C-alpha cells in the first residue's frame, strides 16, 4: 500500500504537476537564467515604479509584466502566466532588518532603532 501510494504521489508531482518545467521556470525567473524579461519590465514600468507605493497601480504593473514577458525569451515558458506582481506593505529596510531577528530577539544589538521585532 505504501509503495503504491508513493508511486502515485511521485507520478502526480513529476508528470501531472509538471515539476521539471516548473523548476525550469523558477530558474528562469528567480535565478535570472534568461533575465531579459526583467530589463523589459523595468524599462516599460519605470514611471509607475518611481511613484510612491500607495500611488502605484498593481493592475497596471501586472499588465506591464505580462507585456514584458511576451516581448522576452520568457514567452516560450509554459508557466509564464503564473508570474504575478504584488507590492509589499513593509519597506525594504524593515524586511532586511527582520531577517536579523530570531524569534523576538534581535541578532544585531545596539542603538539602531529601526523598529525591529514586534511585527
PDB file of N, CA and C in Angstrom:
ATOM      1  N   UNK A   1       0.824  -1.190   0.000  1.00  0.00           N
ATOM      2  CA  UNK A   1       0.000   0.000   0.000  1.00  0.00           C
ATOM      3  C   UNK A   1       0.872   1.261   0.000  1.00  0.00           C
ATOM      4  N   UNK A   2       1.938   1.234   0.838  1.00  0.00           N
ATOM      5  CA  UNK A   2       2.823   2.384   0.908  1.00  0.00           C
ATOM      6  C   UNK A   2       3.525   2.626  -0.426  1.00  0.00           C
ATOM      7  N   UNK A   3       4.010   1.555  -1.031  1.00  0.00           N
ATOM      8  CA  UNK A   3       4.719   1.673  -2.309  1.00  0.00           C
ATOM      9  C   UNK A   3       3.777   2.192  -3.397  1.00  0.00           C
ATOM     10  N   UNK A   4       2.550   1.699  -3.394  1.00  0.00           N
ATOM     11  CA  UNK A   4       1.552   2.150  -4.369  1.00  0.00           C
ATOM     12  C   UNK A   4       1.240   3.635  -4.176  1.00  0.00           C
ATOM     13  N   UNK A   5       1.080   4.066  -2.924  1.00  0.00           N
ATOM     14  CA  UNK A   5       0.798   5.474  -2.625  1.00  0.00           C
ATOM     15  C   UNK A   5       1.989   6.354  -3.007  1.00  0.00           C
ATOM     16  N   UNK A   6       3.189   5.873  -2.706  1.00  0.00           N
ATOM     17  CA  UNK A   6       4.402   6.637  -3.051  1.00  0.00           C
ATOM     18  C   UNK A   6       4.544   6.797  -4.557  1.00  0.00           C
ATOM     19  N   UNK A   7       4.311   5.714  -5.289  1.00  0.00           N
ATOM     20  CA  UNK A   7       4.397   5.785  -6.747  1.00  0.00           C
ATOM     21  C   UNK A   7       3.335   6.728  -7.314  1.00  0.00           C
ATOM     22  N   UNK A   8       2.125   6.686  -6.750  1.00  0.00           N
ATOM     23  CA  UNK A   8       1.062   7.582  -7.210  1.00  0.00           C
ATOM     24  C   UNK A   8       1.398   9.031  -6.954  1.00  0.00           C
ATOM     25  N   UNK A   9       1.933   9.326  -5.774  1.00  0.00           N
ATOM     26  CA  UNK A   9       2.318  10.697  -5.442  1.00  0.00           C
ATOM     27  C   UNK A   9       3.459  11.172  -6.331  1.00  0.00           C
ATOM     28  N   UNK A  10       4.443  10.338  -6.533  1.00  0.00           N
ATOM     29  CA  UNK A  10       5.571  10.682  -7.384  1.00  0.00           C
ATOM     30  C   UNK A  10       5.121  10.954  -8.811  1.00  0.00           C
ATOM     31  N   UNK A  11       4.254  10.111  -9.324  1.00  0.00           N
ATOM     32  CA  UNK A  11       3.728  10.303 -10.676  1.00  0.00           C
ATOM     33  C   UNK A  11       2.951  11.623 -10.769  1.00  0.00           C
ATOM     34  N   UNK A  12       2.149  11.908  -9.748  1.00  0.00           N
ATOM     35  CA  UNK A  12       1.352  13.126  -9.758  1.00  0.00           C
ATOM     36  C   UNK A  12       2.246  14.371  -9.736  1.00  0.00           C
ATOM     37  N   UNK A  13       3.275  14.356  -8.903  1.00  0.00           N
ATOM     38  CA  UNK A  13       4.161  15.517  -8.791  1.00  0.00           C
ATOM     39  C   UNK A  13       5.009  15.691 -10.047  1.00  0.00           C
ATOM     40  N   UNK A  14       5.599  14.605 -10.515  1.00  0.00           N
ATOM     41  CA  UNK A  14       6.515  14.711 -11.647  1.00  0.00           C
ATOM     42  C   UNK A  14       5.809  14.905 -12.980  1.00  0.00           C
ATOM     43  N   UNK A  15       4.755  14.167 -13.205  1.00  0.00           N
ATOM     44  CA  UNK A  15       4.116  14.176 -14.527  1.00  0.00           C
ATOM     45  C   UNK A  15       2.938  15.138 -14.565  1.00  0.00           C
ATOM     46  N   UNK A  16       1.946  14.906 -13.721  1.00  0.00           N
ATOM     47  CA  UNK A  16       0.754  15.749 -13.759  1.00  0.00           C
ATOM     48  C   UNK A  16       1.044  17.165 -13.277  1.00  0.00           C
ATOM     49  N   UNK A  17       1.940  17.303 -12.290  1.00  0.00           N
ATOM     50  CA  UNK A  17       2.301  18.619 -11.775  1.00  0.00           C
ATOM     51  C   UNK A  17       3.379  19.303 -12.582  1.00  0.00           C
ATOM     52  N   UNK A  18       3.950  18.589 -13.556  1.00  0.00           N
ATOM     53  CA  UNK A  18       4.970  19.137 -14.452  1.00  0.00           C
ATOM     54  C   UNK A  18       6.125  19.757 -13.669  1.00  0.00           C
ATOM     55  N   UNK A  19       6.651  18.999 -12.707  1.00  0.00           N
ATOM     56  CA  UNK A  19       7.678  19.503 -11.802  1.00  0.00           C
ATOM     57  C   UNK A  19       8.907  20.017 -12.538  1.00  0.00           C
ATOM     58  N   UNK A  20       9.378  19.289 -13.517  1.00  0.00           N
ATOM     59  CA  UNK A  20      10.593  19.702 -14.226  1.00  0.00           C
ATOM     60  C   UNK A  20      10.405  21.059 -14.901  1.00  0.00           C
ATOM     61  N   UNK A  21       9.305  21.246 -15.587  1.00  0.00           N
ATOM     62  CA  UNK A  21       9.059  22.527 -16.258  1.00  0.00           C
ATOM     63  C   UNK A  21       8.897  23.660 -15.245  1.00  0.00           C
ATOM     64  N   UNK A  22       8.266  23.377 -14.121  1.00  0.00           N
ATOM     65  CA  UNK A  22       8.096  24.410 -13.083  1.00  0.00           C
ATOM     66  C   UNK A  22       9.436  24.790 -12.464  1.00  0.00           C
ATOM     67  N   UNK A  23      10.313  23.810 -12.252  1.00  0.00           N
ATOM     68  CA  UNK A  23      11.649  24.119 -11.741  1.00  0.00           C
ATOM     69  C   UNK A  23      12.456  24.930 -12.751  1.00  0.00           C
ATOM     70  N   UNK A  24      12.291  24.639 -14.021  1.00  0.00           N
ATOM     71  CA  UNK A  24      12.953  25.434 -15.056  1.00  0.00           C
ATOM     72  C   UNK A  24      12.429  26.872 -15.046  1.00  0.00           C
ATOM     73  N   UNK A  25      11.131  27.033 -14.809  1.00  0.00           N
ATOM     74  CA  UNK A  25      10.553  28.375 -14.704  1.00  0.00           C
ATOM     75  C   UNK A  25      11.130  29.122 -13.508  1.00  0.00           C
ATOM     76  N   UNK A  26      11.251  28.429 -12.384  1.00  0.00           N
ATOM     77  CA  UNK A  26      11.860  29.062 -11.210  1.00  0.00           C
ATOM     78  C   UNK A  26      13.281  29.511 -11.504  1.00  0.00           C
ATOM     79  N   UNK A  27      14.018  28.678 -12.200  1.00  0.00           N
ATOM     80  CA  UNK A  27      15.386  29.028 -12.572  1.00  0.00           C
ATOM     81  C   UNK A  27      15.385  30.269 -13.459  1.00  0.00           C
ATOM     82  N   UNK A  28      14.473  30.330 -14.393  1.00  0.00           N
ATOM     83  CA  UNK A  28      14.404  31.458 -15.318  1.00  0.00           C
ATOM     84  C   UNK A  28      14.099  32.763 -14.581  1.00  0.00           C
ATOM     85  N   UNK A  29      13.118  32.737 -13.686  1.00  0.00           N
ATOM     86  CA  UNK A  29      12.657  33.972 -13.063  1.00  0.00           C
ATOM     87  C   UNK A  29      13.431  34.365 -11.818  1.00  0.00           C
ATOM     88  N   UNK A  30      13.727  33.419 -10.946  1.00  0.00           N
ATOM     89  CA  UNK A  30      14.367  33.779  -9.693  1.00  0.00           C
ATOM     90  C   UNK A  30      15.878  33.778  -9.772  1.00  0.00           C
ATOM     91  N   UNK A  31      16.438  32.949 -10.603  1.00  0.00           N
ATOM     92  CA  UNK A  31      17.887  32.938 -10.770  1.00  0.00           C
ATOM     93  C   UNK A  31      18.302  33.694 -12.022  1.00  0.00           C
ATOM     94  N   UNK A  32      17.323  34.283 -12.697  1.00  0.00           N
ATOM     95  CA  UNK A  32      17.538  35.110 -13.887  1.00  0.00           C
ATOM     96  C   UNK A  32      18.349  34.392 -14.949  1.00  0.00           C
ATOM     97  N   UNK A  33      18.002  33.132 -15.182  1.00  0.00           N
ATOM     98  CA  UNK A  33      18.621  32.345 -16.241  1.00  0.00           C
ATOM     99  C   UNK A  33      18.525  33.101 -17.561  1.00  0.00           C
ATOM    100  N   UNK A  34      17.362  33.617 -17.834  1.00  0.00           N
ATOM    101  CA  UNK A  34      17.138  34.455 -19.009  1.00  0.00           C
ATOM    102  C   UNK A  34      16.445  35.711 -18.489  1.00  0.00           C
ATOM    103  N   UNK A  35      17.237  36.676 -18.041  1.00  0.00           N
ATOM    104  CA  UNK A  35      16.717  37.844 -17.341  1.00  0.00           C
ATOM    105  C   UNK A  35      16.276  38.987 -18.222  1.00  0.00           C
ATOM    106  N   UNK A  36      16.153  38.769 -19.532  1.00  0.00           N
ATOM    107  CA  UNK A  36      15.758  39.884 -20.395  1.00  0.00           C
ATOM    108  C   UNK A  36      14.352  40.387 -20.090  1.00  0.00           C
ATOM    109  N   UNK A  37      13.487  39.522 -19.543  1.00  0.00           N
ATOM    110  CA  UNK A  37      12.141  39.974 -19.200  1.00  0.00           C
ATOM    111  C   UNK A  37      12.197  41.059 -18.130  1.00  0.00           C
ATOM    112  N   UNK A  38      13.156  40.951 -17.219  1.00  0.00           N
ATOM    113  CA  UNK A  38      13.274  41.929 -16.142  1.00  0.00           C
ATOM    114  C   UNK A  38      13.736  43.280 -16.688  1.00  0.00           C
ATOM    115  N   UNK A  39      14.641  43.268 -17.637  1.00  0.00           N
ATOM    116  CA  UNK A  39      15.090  44.513 -18.275  1.00  0.00           C
ATOM    117  C   UNK A  39      13.924  45.168 -18.994  1.00  0.00           C
ATOM    118  N   UNK A  40      13.156  44.387 -19.751  1.00  0.00           N
ATOM    119  CA  UNK A  40      11.970  44.922 -20.431  1.00  0.00           C
ATOM    120  C   UNK A  40      10.981  45.495 -19.425  1.00  0.00           C
ATOM    121  N   UNK A  41      10.750  44.767 -18.347  1.00  0.00           N
ATOM    122  CA  UNK A  41       9.773  45.203 -17.349  1.00  0.00           C
ATOM    123  C   UNK A  41      10.190  46.523 -16.711  1.00  0.00           C
ATOM    124  N   UNK A  42      11.447  46.633 -16.295  1.00  0.00           N
ATOM    125  CA  UNK A  42      11.916  47.866 -15.660  1.00  0.00           C
ATOM    126  C   UNK A  42      11.872  49.030 -16.645  1.00  0.00           C
ATOM    127  N   UNK A  43      12.196  48.772 -17.899  1.00  0.00           N
ATOM    128  CA  UNK A  43      12.126  49.832 -18.907  1.00  0.00           C
ATOM    129  C   UNK A  43      10.711  50.359 -19.096  1.00  0.00           C
ATOM    130  N   UNK A  44       9.738  49.471 -19.238  1.00  0.00           N
ATOM    131  CA  UNK A  44       8.380  49.930 -19.538  1.00  0.00           C
ATOM    132  C   UNK A  44       7.587  50.314 -18.290  1.00  0.00           C
ATOM    133  N   UNK A  45       8.029  49.850 -17.107  1.00  0.00           N
ATOM    134  CA  UNK A  45       7.298  50.169 -15.876  1.00  0.00           C
ATOM    135  C   UNK A  45       8.020  51.200 -15.022  1.00  0.00           C
ATOM    136  N   UNK A  46       9.083  51.774 -15.535  1.00  0.00           N
ATOM    137  CA  UNK A  46       9.898  52.707 -14.758  1.00  0.00           C
ATOM    138  C   UNK A  46       9.117  53.859 -14.165  1.00  0.00           C
ATOM    139  N   UNK A  47       8.246  54.474 -14.957  1.00  0.00           N
ATOM    140  CA  UNK A  47       7.500  55.626 -14.436  1.00  0.00           C
ATOM    141  C   UNK A  47       6.526  55.199 -13.340  1.00  0.00           C
ATOM    142  N   UNK A  48       5.921  54.038 -13.495  1.00  0.00           N
ATOM    143  CA  UNK A  48       4.990  53.546 -12.472  1.00  0.00           C
ATOM    144  C   UNK A  48       5.752  53.153 -11.210  1.00  0.00           C
ATOM    145  N   UNK A  49       6.919  52.547 -11.372  1.00  0.00           N
ATOM    146  CA  UNK A  49       7.712  52.110 -10.224  1.00  0.00           C
ATOM    147  C   UNK A  49       8.347  53.270  -9.467  1.00  0.00           C
ATOM    148  N   UNK A  50       8.469  54.435 -10.104  1.00  0.00           N
ATOM    149  CA  UNK A  50       9.072  55.589  -9.432  1.00  0.00           C
ATOM    150  C   UNK A  50       8.076  56.317  -8.532  1.00  0.00           C
ATOM    151  N   UNK A  51       6.815  55.942  -8.582  1.00  0.00           N
ATOM    152  CA  UNK A  51       5.801  56.556  -7.733  1.00  0.00           C
ATOM    153  C   UNK A  51       5.887  56.030  -6.308  1.00  0.00           C
ATOM    154  N   UNK A  52       5.219  56.733  -5.406  1.00  0.00           N
ATOM    155  CA  UNK A  52       5.105  56.245  -4.029  1.00  0.00           C
ATOM    156  C   UNK A  52       4.245  54.989  -4.036  1.00  0.00           C
ATOM    157  N   UNK A  53       4.529  54.065  -3.132  1.00  0.00           N
ATOM    158  CA  UNK A  53       3.837  52.773  -3.110  1.00  0.00           C
ATOM    159  C   UNK A  53       2.313  52.887  -3.084  1.00  0.00           C
ATOM    160  N   UNK A  54       1.721  53.800  -2.287  1.00  0.00           N
ATOM    161  CA  UNK A  54       0.254  53.874  -2.288  1.00  0.00           C
ATOM    162  C   UNK A  54      -0.335  54.348  -3.626  1.00  0.00           C
ATOM    163  N   UNK A  55       0.479  55.019  -4.431  1.00  0.00           N
ATOM    164  CA  UNK A  55       0.000  55.562  -5.700  1.00  0.00           C
ATOM    165  C   UNK A  55       0.198  54.608  -6.880  1.00  0.00           C
ATOM    166  N   UNK A  56       0.841  53.478  -6.646  1.00  0.00           N
ATOM    167  CA  UNK A  56       1.141  52.530  -7.726  1.00  0.00           C
ATOM    168  C   UNK A  56      -0.070  51.642  -7.983  1.00  0.00           C
ATOM    169  N   UNK A  57      -0.386  51.467  -9.250  1.00  0.00           N
ATOM    170  CA  UNK A  57      -1.469  50.578  -9.643  1.00  0.00           C
ATOM    171  C   UNK A  57      -0.900  49.175  -9.879  1.00  0.00           C
ATOM    172  N   UNK A  58      -1.287  48.241  -9.023  1.00  0.00           N
ATOM    173  CA  UNK A  58      -0.810  46.865  -9.165  1.00  0.00           C
ATOM    174  C   UNK A  58      -1.341  46.260 -10.460  1.00  0.00           C
ATOM    175  N   UNK A  59      -2.557  46.618 -10.846  1.00  0.00           N
ATOM    176  CA  UNK A  59      -3.120  46.102 -12.102  1.00  0.00           C
ATOM    177  C   UNK A  59      -2.303  46.566 -13.296  1.00  0.00           C
ATOM    178  N   UNK A  60      -1.866  47.829 -13.261  1.00  0.00           N
ATOM    179  CA  UNK A  60      -1.045  48.332 -14.360  1.00  0.00           C
ATOM    180  C   UNK A  60       0.307  47.625 -14.381  1.00  0.00           C
ATOM    181  N   UNK A  61       0.898  47.417 -13.201  1.00  0.00           N
ATOM    182  CA  UNK A  61       2.163  46.684 -13.136  1.00  0.00           C
ATOM    183  C   UNK A  61       2.002  45.265 -13.676  1.00  0.00           C
ATOM    184  N   UNK A  62       0.895  44.628 -13.343  1.00  0.00           N
ATOM    185  CA  UNK A  62       0.646  43.274 -13.834  1.00  0.00           C
ATOM    186  C   UNK A  62       0.556  43.264 -15.348  1.00  0.00           C
ATOM    187  N   UNK A  63      -0.137  44.237 -15.924  1.00  0.00           N
ATOM    188  CA  UNK A  63      -0.251  44.329 -17.386  1.00  0.00           C
ATOM    189  C   UNK A  63       1.111  44.557 -18.027  1.00  0.00           C
ATOM    190  N   UNK A  64       1.914  45.417 -17.409  1.00  0.00           N
ATOM    191  CA  UNK A  64       3.251  45.687 -17.941  1.00  0.00           C
ATOM    192  C   UNK A  64       4.154  44.459 -17.816  1.00  0.00           C
ATOM    193  N   UNK A  65       4.002  43.707 -16.732  1.00  0.00           N
ATOM    194  CA  UNK A  65       4.777  42.476 -16.586  1.00  0.00           C
ATOM    195  C   UNK A  65       4.394  41.474 -17.670  1.00  0.00           C
ATOM    196  N   UNK A  66       3.109  41.332 -17.909  1.00  0.00           N
ATOM    197  CA  UNK A  66       2.658  40.408 -18.955  1.00  0.00           C
ATOM    198  C   UNK A  66       3.200  40.821 -20.316  1.00  0.00           C
ATOM    199  N   UNK A  67       3.221  42.127 -20.581  1.00  0.00           N
ATOM    200  CA  UNK A  67       3.776  42.624 -21.840  1.00  0.00           C
ATOM    201  C   UNK A  67       5.268  42.318 -21.917  1.00  0.00           C
ATOM    202  N   UNK A  68       5.993  42.567 -20.826  1.00  0.00           N
ATOM    203  CA  UNK A  68       7.434  42.296 -20.801  1.00  0.00           C
ATOM    204  C   UNK A  68       7.715  40.815 -21.035  1.00  0.00           C
ATOM    205  N   UNK A  69       6.894  39.956 -20.469  1.00  0.00           N
ATOM    206  CA  UNK A  69       7.080  38.515 -20.674  1.00  0.00           C
ATOM    207  C   UNK A  69       6.854  38.129 -22.132  1.00  0.00           C
ATOM    208  N   UNK A  70       5.865  38.759 -22.762  1.00  0.00           N
ATOM    209  CA  UNK A  70       5.570  38.452 -24.168  1.00  0.00           C
ATOM    210  C   UNK A  70       6.656  38.958 -25.105  1.00  0.00           C
ATOM    211  N   UNK A  71       7.388  40.004 -24.691  1.00  0.00           N
ATOM    212  CA  UNK A  71       8.441  40.586 -25.528  1.00  0.00           C
ATOM    213  C   UNK A  71       9.809  39.952 -25.291  1.00  0.00           C
ATOM    214  N   UNK A  72       9.888  39.013 -24.354  1.00  0.00           N
ATOM    215  CA  UNK A  72      11.180  38.443 -23.994  1.00  0.00           C
ATOM    216  C   UNK A  72      11.248  36.963 -24.361  1.00  0.00           C
ATOM    217  N   UNK A  73      12.369  36.362 -24.024  1.00  0.00           N
ATOM    218  CA  UNK A  73      12.520  34.927 -24.263  1.00  0.00           C
ATOM    219  C   UNK A  73      11.605  34.111 -23.360  1.00  0.00           C
ATOM    220  N   UNK A  74      11.029  34.739 -22.336  1.00  0.00           N
ATOM    221  CA  UNK A  74      10.120  34.039 -21.430  1.00  0.00           C
ATOM    222  C   UNK A  74       8.783  33.708 -22.084  1.00  0.00           C
ATOM    223  N   UNK A  75       8.533  34.237 -23.276  1.00  0.00           N
ATOM    224  CA  UNK A  75       7.261  33.954 -23.953  1.00  0.00           C
ATOM    225  C   UNK A  75       7.089  32.463 -24.228  1.00  0.00           C
ATOM    226  N   UNK A  76       8.190  31.737 -24.326  1.00  0.00           N
ATOM    227  CA  UNK A  76       8.099  30.302 -24.604  1.00  0.00           C
ATOM    228  C   UNK A  76       7.940  29.465 -23.337  1.00  0.00           C
ATOM    229  N   UNK A  77       8.011  30.107 -22.173  1.00  0.00           N
ATOM    230  CA  UNK A  77       7.861  29.387 -20.908  1.00  0.00           C
ATOM    231  C   UNK A  77       6.402  28.993 -20.714  1.00  0.00           C
ATOM    232  N   UNK A  78       6.120  27.712 -20.524  1.00  0.00           N
ATOM    233  CA  UNK A  78       4.722  27.282 -20.395  1.00  0.00           C
ATOM    234  C   UNK A  78       4.047  27.785 -19.119  1.00  0.00           C
ATOM    235  N   UNK A  79       4.828  28.283 -18.165  1.00  0.00           N
ATOM    236  CA  UNK A  79       4.260  28.738 -16.893  1.00  0.00           C
ATOM    237  C   UNK A  79       4.394  30.243 -16.703  1.00  0.00           C
ATOM    238  N   UNK A  80       4.639  31.000 -17.773  1.00  0.00           N
ATOM    239  CA  UNK A  80       4.832  32.439 -17.609  1.00  0.00           C
ATOM    240  C   UNK A  80       3.564  33.149 -17.139  1.00  0.00           C
ATOM    241  N   UNK A  81       2.422  32.550 -17.356  1.00  0.00           N
ATOM    242  CA  UNK A  81       1.173  33.163 -16.896  1.00  0.00           C
ATOM    243  C   UNK A  81       1.000  33.047 -15.384  1.00  0.00           C
ATOM    244  N   UNK A  82       1.822  32.236 -14.731  1.00  0.00           N
ATOM    245  CA  UNK A  82       1.743  32.076 -13.285  1.00  0.00           C
ATOM    246  C   UNK A  82       2.478  33.194 -12.547  1.00  0.00           C
ATOM    247  N   UNK A  83       3.276  33.978 -13.257  1.00  0.00           N
ATOM    248  CA  UNK A  83       4.044  35.058 -12.645  1.00  0.00           C
ATOM    249  C   UNK A  83       3.144  36.268 -12.431  1.00  0.00           C
ATOM    250  N   UNK A  84       3.125  36.803 -11.206  1.00  0.00           N
ATOM    251  CA  UNK A  84       2.261  37.934 -10.889  1.00  0.00           C
ATOM    252  C   UNK A  84       3.047  39.015 -10.158  1.00  0.00           C
ATOM    253  N   UNK A  85       2.464  40.208 -10.110  1.00  0.00           N
ATOM    254  CA  UNK A  85       3.047  41.343  -9.395  1.00  0.00           C
ATOM    255  C   UNK A  85       2.330  41.553  -8.078  1.00  0.00           C
ATOM    256  N   UNK A  86       3.040  42.100  -7.143  1.00  0.00           N
ATOM    257  CA  UNK A  86       2.444  42.481  -5.869  1.00  0.00           C
ATOM    258  C   UNK A  86       3.331  43.510  -5.201  1.00  0.00           C
ATOM    259  N   UNK A  87       2.773  44.229  -4.269  1.00  0.00           N
ATOM    260  CA  UNK A  87       3.539  45.224  -3.517  1.00  0.00           C
ATOM    261  C   UNK A  87       3.552  44.816  -2.047  1.00  0.00           C
ATOM    262  N   UNK A  88       4.692  44.963  -1.432  1.00  0.00           N
ATOM    263  CA  UNK A  88       4.823  44.673  -0.008  1.00  0.00           C
ATOM    264  C   UNK A  88       4.425  45.902   0.795  1.00  0.00           C
ATOM    265  N   UNK A  89       3.788  45.678   1.910  1.00  0.00           N
ATOM    266  CA  UNK A  89       3.410  46.788   2.787  1.00  0.00           C
ATOM    267  C   UNK A  89       4.627  47.313   3.558  1.00  0.00           C
ATOM    268  N   UNK A  90       5.587  46.440   3.822  1.00  0.00           N
ATOM    269  CA  UNK A  90       6.783  46.819   4.561  1.00  0.00           C
ATOM    270  C   UNK A  90       7.851  47.304   3.592  1.00  0.00           C
ATOM    271  N   UNK A  91       8.619  48.293   3.995  1.00  0.00           N
ATOM    272  CA  UNK A  91       9.728  48.788   3.188  1.00  0.00           C
ATOM    273  C   UNK A  91      10.880  47.794   3.183  1.00  0.00           C
ATOM    274  N   UNK A  92      11.802  48.002   2.276  1.00  0.00           N
ATOM    275  CA  UNK A  92      12.937  47.077   2.129  1.00  0.00           C
ATOM    276  C   UNK A  92      13.804  47.073   3.376  1.00  0.00           C
ATOM    277  N   UNK A  93      13.971  48.225   4.021  1.00  0.00           N
ATOM    278  CA  UNK A  93      14.798  48.290   5.228  1.00  0.00           C
ATOM    279  C   UNK A  93      14.173  47.424   6.326  1.00  0.00           C
ATOM    280  N   UNK A  94      12.876  47.549   6.511  1.00  0.00           N
ATOM    281  CA  UNK A  94      12.197  46.737   7.531  1.00  0.00           C
ATOM    282  C   UNK A  94      12.336  45.251   7.215  1.00  0.00           C
ATOM    283  N   UNK A  95      12.203  44.887   5.949  1.00  0.00           N
ATOM    284  CA  UNK A  95      12.327  43.475   5.568  1.00  0.00           C
ATOM    285  C   UNK A  95      13.736  42.956   5.829  1.00  0.00           C
ATOM    286  N   UNK A  96      14.746  43.759   5.479  1.00  0.00           N
ATOM    287  CA  UNK A  96      16.130  43.338   5.708  1.00  0.00           C
ATOM    288  C   UNK A  96      16.432  43.229   7.195  1.00  0.00           C
ATOM    289  N   UNK A  97      15.930  44.190   7.977  1.00  0.00           N
ATOM    290  CA  UNK A  97      16.151  44.114   9.411  1.00  0.00           C
ATOM    291  C   UNK A  97      15.455  42.918  10.033  1.00  0.00           C
ATOM    292  N   UNK A  98      14.287  42.552   9.500  1.00  0.00           N
ATOM    293  CA  UNK A  98      13.565  41.411  10.061  1.00  0.00           C
ATOM    294  C   UNK A  98      14.284  40.091   9.801  1.00  0.00           C
ATOM    295  N   UNK A  99      15.164  40.060   8.827  1.00  0.00           N
ATOM    296  CA  UNK A  99      15.963  38.861   8.574  1.00  0.00           C
ATOM    297  C   UNK A  99      16.888  38.587   9.762  1.00  0.00           C
ATOM    298  N   UNK A 100      17.301  39.653  10.420  1.00  0.00           N
ATOM    299  CA  UNK A 100      18.238  39.522  11.533  1.00  0.00           C
ATOM    300  C   UNK A 100      17.552  39.235  12.853  1.00  0.00           C
ATOM    301  N   UNK A 101      16.291  38.913  12.816  1.00  0.00           N
ATOM    302  CA  UNK A 101      15.554  38.636  14.034  1.00  0.00           C
ATOM    303  C   UNK A 101      15.315  37.134  14.152  1.00  0.00           C
ATOM    304  N   UNK A 102      15.658  36.601  15.290  1.00  0.00           N
ATOM    305  CA  UNK A 102      15.371  35.203  15.572  1.00  0.00           C
ATOM    306  C   UNK A 102      14.358  35.184  16.703  1.00  0.00           C
ATOM    307  N   UNK A 103      13.132  34.780  16.383  1.00  0.00           N
ATOM    308  CA  UNK A 103      12.071  34.876  17.382  1.00  0.00           C
ATOM    309  C   UNK A 103      11.792  36.342  17.662  1.00  0.00           C
ATOM    310  N   UNK A 104      11.870  36.723  18.934  1.00  0.00           N
ATOM    311  CA  UNK A 104      11.697  38.127  19.305  1.00  0.00           C
ATOM    312  C   UNK A 104      13.026  38.782  19.640  1.00  0.00           C
ATOM    313  N   UNK A 105      14.102  38.060  19.549  1.00  0.00           N
ATOM    314  CA  UNK A 105      15.408  38.554  19.949  1.00  0.00           C
ATOM    315  C   UNK A 105      16.225  39.002  18.741  1.00  0.00           C
ATOM    316  N   UNK A 106      16.566  40.322  18.632  1.00  0.00           N
ATOM    317  CA  UNK A 106      17.395  40.778  17.507  1.00  0.00           C
ATOM    318  C   UNK A 106      18.795  40.180  17.580  1.00  0.00           C
ATOM    319  N   UNK A 107      19.318  39.775  16.448  1.00  0.00           N
ATOM    320  CA  UNK A 107      20.671  39.238  16.381  1.00  0.00           C
ATOM    321  C   UNK A 107      21.670  40.374  16.522  1.00  0.00           C
ATOM    322  N   UNK A 108      21.405  41.507  15.850  1.00  0.00           N
ATOM    323  CA  UNK A 108      22.284  42.681  15.921  1.00  0.00           C
ATOM    324  C   UNK A 108      21.789  43.556  17.066  1.00  0.00           C
ATOM    325  N   UNK A 109      22.686  43.849  17.989  1.00  0.00           N
ATOM    326  CA  UNK A 109      22.317  44.662  19.148  1.00  0.00           C
ATOM    327  C   UNK A 109      22.947  46.052  18.997  1.00  0.00           C
ATOM    328  N   UNK A 110      22.326  46.992  19.648  1.00  0.00           N
ATOM    329  CA  UNK A 110      22.862  48.334  19.604  1.00  0.00           C
ATOM    330  C   UNK A 110      21.757  49.331  19.426  1.00  0.00           C
ATOM    331  N   UNK A 111      22.126  50.579  19.279  1.00  0.00           N
ATOM    332  CA  UNK A 111      21.152  51.659  19.201  1.00  0.00           C
ATOM    333  C   UNK A 111      20.675  51.932  17.798  1.00  0.00           C
ATOM    334  N   UNK A 112      20.355  50.919  17.038  1.00  0.00           N
ATOM    335  CA  UNK A 112      19.901  51.107  15.655  1.00  0.00           C
ATOM    336  C   UNK A 112      18.536  51.734  15.551  1.00  0.00           C
ATOM    337  N   UNK A 113      17.625  51.408  16.465  1.00  0.00           N
ATOM    338  CA  UNK A 113      16.298  51.996  16.484  1.00  0.00           C
ATOM    339  C   UNK A 113      15.537  51.865  15.189  1.00  0.00           C
ATOM    340  N   UNK A 114      15.545  50.729  14.555  1.00  0.00           N
ATOM    341  CA  UNK A 114      14.868  50.574  13.279  1.00  0.00           C
ATOM    342  C   UNK A 114      13.512  49.906  13.375  1.00  0.00           C
ATOM    343  N   UNK A 115      12.991  49.744  14.576  1.00  0.00           N
ATOM    344  CA  UNK A 115      11.673  49.126  14.701  1.00  0.00           C
ATOM    345  C   UNK A 115      11.710  47.612  14.495  1.00  0.00           C
ATOM    346  N   UNK A 116      12.799  46.979  14.870  1.00  0.00           N
ATOM    347  CA  UNK A 116      12.925  45.538  14.666  1.00  0.00           C
ATOM    348  C   UNK A 116      12.087  44.805  15.700  1.00  0.00           C
ATOM    349  N   UNK A 117      11.428  43.748  15.268  1.00  0.00           N
ATOM    350  CA  UNK A 117      10.648  42.903  16.148  1.00  0.00           C
ATOM    351  C   UNK A 117       9.212  43.351  16.220  1.00  0.00           C
ATOM    352  N   UNK A 118       8.433  42.673  16.986  1.00  0.00           N
ATOM    353  CA  UNK A 118       7.058  43.033  17.249  1.00  0.00           C
ATOM    354  C   UNK A 118       6.171  43.154  16.042  1.00  0.00           C
ATOM    355  N   UNK A 119       6.450  42.691  14.887  1.00  0.00           N
ATOM    356  CA  UNK A 119       5.614  42.910  13.724  1.00  0.00           C
ATOM    357  C   UNK A 119       4.490  42.018  13.667  1.00  0.00           C
TER     358      UNK A 119
END
